[in-house]
Amino acid sequence: MSIELWLTFVLTATTILVIPGPTIIYVVGQSLNHGKKASLPLSMGVISGDAICITLSLLGLSTVLSIFSAAFIVVKYLGAAYLIYLGLKMVMTGSHSAFKHTKGSDFRPRVLFKDVFIVNALNPKGIIFYSAFMPQFITSGQDVLWQLVILATTFLILALINVLFYSLLASKMSHTFHSATFSKAFNLTGGISLIFAGVYSATLHRK
């Protein structure tokens, strides 16, 4: 793999990552609520979920999901249901609370980790995407496995930088936009977006 091809991968992956999706919406919301301390469990959850998807795609699970529609449907609906669940939680939070840096038992890093991990791991479209995306940057005639390891590692590093950027930016914003009105508006908007994303994911068909 040439340095030029690798740089093209970096640019393409960065462009894909910076576009906010359901995971980033959740990351921003929790970072606004909990501040900088939420960055570590959130980022670890995102990276772990991505790592699972990439590993499964390299192991050929995308082919299994493509062949066995029942498996695809089960994983798809589980992921969609969890997105809707997170969206409902945000909507309920937005209906009665303002952003605040929570302390003690209110801050549960394991829950934050679990939520973003499940959203990313239960994403059959993500598994299929990685299987279709990464091979585009493989140079034939060279060690394919080693190239895939490089691309996967690069993507995970970029994903980590991306989620930390959004999380830390949101935690800084929480000091500026700490009014109850802004809190409710973001939680309601973000929650509805997650619900919509879950419903949309559930209605998608394999192509």
Protein backbone atom coordinates (compact mmCIF):
# COMPACT_ATOMS: atom_id res chain seq x y z
CA MET A 1 0.00 0.00 0.00
CA SER A 2 1.44 3.33 -1.05
CA ILE A 3 1.46 6.38 1.22
CA GLU A 4 -0.76 8.16 -1.32
CA LEU A 5 -3.40 5.43 -1.09
CA TRP A 6 -3.24 5.46 2.71
CA LEU A 7 -3.66 9.25 2.80
CA THR A 8 -6.67 8.91 0.50
CA PHE A 9 -8.13 6.42 2.97
CA VAL A 10 -7.49 8.82 5.85
CA LEU A 11 -9.22 11.68 4.02
CA THR A 12 -12.20 9.53 3.02
CA ALA A 13 -12.61 7.99 6.47
CA THR A 14 -12.34 11.39 8.15
CA THR A 15 -15.04 12.79 5.89
CA ILE A 16 -17.32 9.87 6.78
CA LEU A 17 -16.64 10.17 10.51
CA VAL A 18 -17.14 13.92 10.95
CA ILE A 19 -20.73 13.75 9.71
CA PRO A 20 -22.78 13.41 12.93
CA GLY A 21 -24.84 10.24 13.22
CA PRO A 22 -26.92 8.66 16.01
CA THR A 23 -23.84 7.72 18.02
CA ILE A 24 -22.46 11.28 17.95
CA ILE A 25 -25.85 12.69 18.94
CA TYR A 26 -25.81 10.48 22.02
CA VAL A 27 -22.16 11.32 22.76
CA VAL A 28 -22.85 15.05 22.59
CA GLY A 29 -25.93 14.78 24.79
CA GLN A 30 -24.15 12.80 27.50
CA SER A 31 -21.09 15.07 27.36
CA LEU A 32 -23.32 18.10 27.83
CA ASN A 33 -24.86 16.39 30.86
CA HIS A 34 -21.72 14.99 32.49
CA GLY A 35 -18.83 17.11 31.20
CA LYS A 36 -15.31 15.93 30.39
CA LYS A 37 -15.50 12.85 32.62
CA ALA A 38 -17.94 11.28 30.15
CA SER A 39 -15.36 11.41 27.34
CA LEU A 40 -13.44 8.29 28.40
CA PRO A 41 -16.33 5.79 28.73
CA LEU A 42 -18.04 7.20 25.65
CA SER A 43 -14.92 7.05 23.48
CA MET A 44 -14.05 3.55 24.71
CA GLY A 45 -17.59 2.40 23.96
CA VAL A 46 -17.53 3.82 20.45
CA ILE A 47 -14.11 2.35 19.65
CA SER A 48 -15.00 -1.06 21.10
CA GLY A 49 -18.19 -1.18 19.04
CA ASP A 50 -16.35 -0.14 15.89
CA ALA A 51 -13.64 -2.71 16.59
CA ILE A 52 -16.27 -5.46 16.89
CA CYS A 53 -17.87 -4.41 13.59
CA ILE A 54 -14.54 -4.26 11.77
CA THR A 55 -13.40 -7.61 13.17
CA LEU A 56 -16.66 -9.30 12.23
CA SER A 57 -16.51 -7.80 8.75
CA LEU A 58 -12.97 -9.13 8.28
CA LEU A 59 -14.10 -12.54 9.49
CA GLY A 60 -16.74 -12.59 6.80
CA LEU A 61 -19.88 -12.09 8.88
CA SER A 62 -21.10 -9.56 6.33
CA THR A 63 -21.39 -12.45 3.87
CA VAL A 64 -23.37 -14.44 6.42
CA LEU A 65 -25.70 -11.50 7.01
CA SER A 66 -26.14 -11.04 3.29
CA ILE A 67 -27.02 -14.70 2.75
CA PHE A 68 -29.15 -15.36 5.81
CA SER A 69 -31.83 -12.68 5.89
CA ALA A 70 -33.17 -13.88 9.25
CA ALA A 71 -29.84 -13.15 10.98
CA PHE A 72 -29.67 -9.73 9.36
CA ILE A 73 -33.23 -8.89 10.42
CA VAL A 74 -32.67 -9.96 14.04
CA VAL A 75 -29.50 -7.87 14.43
CA LYS A 76 -31.08 -4.94 12.58
CA TYR A 77 -34.15 -4.83 14.80
CA LEU A 78 -32.14 -5.20 17.99
CA GLY A 79 -29.97 -2.23 17.01
CA ALA A 80 -32.99 -0.19 15.91
CA ALA A 81 -34.84 -0.95 19.15
CA TYR A 82 -31.87 0.18 21.23
CA LEU A 83 -31.63 3.45 19.28
CA ILE A 84 -35.32 4.09 19.95
CA TYR A 85 -34.79 3.24 23.64
CA LEU A 86 -31.93 5.77 23.91
CA GLY A 87 -34.02 8.36 22.08
CA LEU A 88 -36.91 7.90 24.50
CA LYS A 89 -34.50 8.28 27.43
CA MET A 90 -33.24 11.58 26.00
CA VAL A 91 -36.78 12.84 25.42
CA MET A 92 -37.76 11.97 28.99
CA THR A 93 -34.63 13.70 30.30
CA GLY A 94 -35.37 16.78 28.20
CA SER A 95 -38.90 16.99 29.58
CA HIS A 96 -37.80 17.83 33.12
CA SER A 97 -34.10 18.59 33.53
CA ALA A 98 -31.40 21.08 32.66
CA PHE A 99 -27.80 20.30 31.75
CA LYS A 100 -25.67 19.92 34.82
CA HIS A 101 -22.44 18.16 35.67
CA THR A 102 -23.79 15.20 37.60
CA LYS A 103 -21.91 13.73 40.53
CA GLY A 104 -21.72 10.48 42.44
CA SER A 105 -24.27 7.85 41.58
CA ASP A 106 -25.78 10.01 38.80
CA PHE A 107 -22.65 9.50 36.70
CA ARG A 108 -22.49 5.88 35.57
CA PRO A 109 -19.59 5.35 33.16
CA ARG A 110 -20.47 1.68 32.60
CA VAL A 111 -23.92 2.68 31.36
CA LEU A 112 -22.43 5.25 28.97
CA PHE A 113 -19.95 2.68 27.68
CA LYS A 114 -22.66 0.04 27.29
CA ASP A 115 -25.07 2.32 25.42
CA VAL A 116 -22.66 3.47 22.69
CA PHE A 117 -21.07 0.02 22.46
CA ILE A 118 -24.41 -1.67 21.82
CA VAL A 119 -25.47 0.94 19.24
CA ASN A 120 -22.24 0.42 17.30
CA ALA A 121 -21.92 -3.34 17.74
CA LEU A 122 -25.55 -4.07 16.77
CA ASN A 123 -25.17 -2.42 13.41
CA PRO A 124 -25.32 -4.93 10.53
CA LYS A 125 -25.10 -2.10 8.02
CA GLY A 126 -21.82 -1.08 9.66
CA ILE A 127 -20.40 -4.58 9.26
CA ILE A 128 -21.37 -4.66 5.61
CA PHE A 129 -20.06 -1.10 5.11
CA TYR A 130 -16.61 -1.98 6.45
CA SER A 131 -16.50 -5.06 4.23
CA ALA A 132 -17.26 -2.94 1.17
CA PHE A 133 -15.24 0.14 2.16
CA MET A 134 -11.85 -1.12 3.25
CA PRO A 135 -11.13 -3.48 0.34
CA GLN A 136 -11.26 -0.44 -1.98
CA PHE A 137 -7.89 0.63 -0.54
CA ILE A 138 -6.14 -2.74 -0.75
CA THR A 139 -3.23 -3.07 -3.16
CA SER A 140 -3.28 -6.41 -4.98
CA GLY A 141 -0.11 -8.46 -4.92
CA GLN A 142 0.75 -7.38 -1.36
CA ASP A 143 -0.02 -8.88 2.05
CA VAL A 144 -3.79 -8.37 2.28
CA LEU A 145 -4.10 -9.16 6.00
CA TRP A 146 -1.37 -6.69 6.93
CA GLN A 147 -3.01 -3.99 4.82
CA LEU A 148 -6.38 -4.64 6.47
CA VAL A 149 -4.77 -4.37 9.91
CA ILE A 150 -3.26 -1.00 8.95
CA LEU A 151 -6.57 0.29 7.59
CA ALA A 152 -8.56 -0.96 10.58
CA THR A 153 -6.10 0.54 13.07
CA THR A 154 -6.10 3.84 11.18
CA PHE A 155 -9.90 3.95 11.14
CA LEU A 156 -10.15 3.23 14.88
CA ILE A 157 -7.63 5.98 15.68
CA LEU A 158 -9.56 8.45 13.52
CA ALA A 159 -12.83 7.36 15.15
CA LEU A 160 -11.30 7.89 18.60
CA ILE A 161 -10.11 11.40 17.67
CA ASN A 162 -13.54 12.18 16.24
CA VAL A 163 -15.55 11.09 19.28
CA LEU A 164 -13.14 12.83 21.67
CA PHE A 165 -13.46 16.03 19.63
CA TYR A 166 -17.26 16.00 19.80
CA SER A 167 -17.31 14.97 23.45
CA LEU A 168 -14.82 17.59 24.65
CA LEU A 169 -16.43 20.29 22.51
CA ALA A 170 -19.83 19.47 23.98
CA SER A 171 -18.47 19.48 27.53
CA LYS A 172 -17.10 22.98 26.93
CA MET A 173 -20.41 24.09 25.46
CA SER A 174 -22.20 22.91 28.60
CA HIS A 175 -20.65 25.83 30.50
CA THR A 176 -21.99 28.31 27.96
CA PHE A 177 -25.37 26.75 27.13
CA HIS A 178 -26.50 25.62 30.56
CA SER A 179 -30.02 27.05 30.59
CA ALA A 180 -33.04 24.82 31.12
CA THR A 181 -34.44 25.95 27.76
CA PHE A 182 -31.35 24.87 25.83
CA SER A 183 -31.18 21.62 27.80
CA LYS A 184 -34.75 20.67 27.01
CA ALA A 185 -34.45 21.73 23.37
CA PHE A 186 -31.31 19.64 22.78
CA ASN A 187 -32.54 16.56 24.61
CA LEU A 188 -35.89 16.65 22.84
CA THR A 189 -34.33 17.26 19.42
CA GLY A 190 -31.58 14.70 19.97
CA GLY A 191 -34.01 12.13 21.37
CA ILE A 192 -36.40 12.52 18.46
CA SER A 193 -33.47 12.20 16.06
CA LEU A 194 -32.41 8.92 17.69
CA ILE A 195 -35.97 7.60 17.57
CA PHE A 196 -36.22 8.55 13.90
CA ALA A 197 -32.85 6.90 13.21
CA GLY A 198 -34.05 3.74 14.93
CA VAL A 199 -37.30 3.64 12.98
CA TYR A 200 -35.45 4.37 9.75
CA SER A 201 -32.91 1.62 10.44
CA ALA A 202 -35.70 -0.86 11.11
CA THR A 203 -37.33 -0.11 7.75
CA LEU A 204 -34.16 -0.39 5.68
CA HIS A 205 -33.89 -3.37 3.35
CA ARG A 206 -30.71 -5.20 2.33
CA LYS A 207 -29.30 -4.20 -1.05
